[in-house]
Amino acid sequence: MKLNKLIKFLIILTLFGFTQISENNLGDPPTKNDFVDLKELMPNLRSDMRYFGSNNFVGKPIDGYNAAKCLLSKEAAHALKNVQDELEKIGFGLLIYDAYRPQRAVDHFIRWAEDESDTTMKVQFYPNIDKKDIFALGYVSPKSGHSRGSTVDLTIVSLKTKHILNMGSPYDLFDEISSSENSNITKNQQALRSLLKRRMEKHGFKSYPKEWWHFTLEKEPYPDTYFDFPVE
């Protein structure tokens, strides 16, 4: 089939909903080589990769996190650099808590959730809800946007003091107060959440209403792919 006929054929299929034309359909499937180490792109970026260690809602290192690296798709990484560059002009910067998350890490969360007797980290991370409700309430998902490579958890730090700014609730607190629009925090904390949200949205990210720290690139390059290569 000649090239022009092939293109017409693909257009017809798309119009009738049989396929979706994208770079991935016409080229090689994406791999970990399509991801960027954020620290290489932004040397001044700070991070606290919670799932590499034990300071998280499970209470131990999570499967698939073999290094404290922040990986994202190239598109999301460069969009995030625009946010970092803009914040630096006003004396702030970003701190990353989580970026790409292997599917095996999500599977680890699922196994943990099934063991209702393990509530070691309840006081710190989910004091006001039952562990069995964490998935139903939308705080953890069996298919995470993080595994698609364009979702990031983050906050703002002061470049002058090096301190993490007070957003009104800590990272990964599964509670209504962590909602991006929650009004039961101070006006300054509301302003800081709004600052982060506005800057992220300006550069192509969308927020997750239940978690002020959680953002996904709106035009993510791999919306249907859940990667499982380890972070290393």
Foldseek 3Di string as FASTA:
>chain_A
DDPVVVVVVVVVCVVVPNDDDDPCVVDPHDDLVQKDFLCVVPVPEAEDACLCAQPAQLRGRFPQAPDRTAIAGPLLSVLQVQLQVVVVVVQKGKYFHHAADALSRLVRVVVSLVPQVPRPCCVPAPVPDRSVCCDVVPLGDNADPSQLGFKTFMFMAGNVVRHTDCLFHDPNRQDQSQFLPDPPGDPVSNVRLVSVQVSSVVSAWHADRRHSRMIGRPPRRRPPDGHHRGND
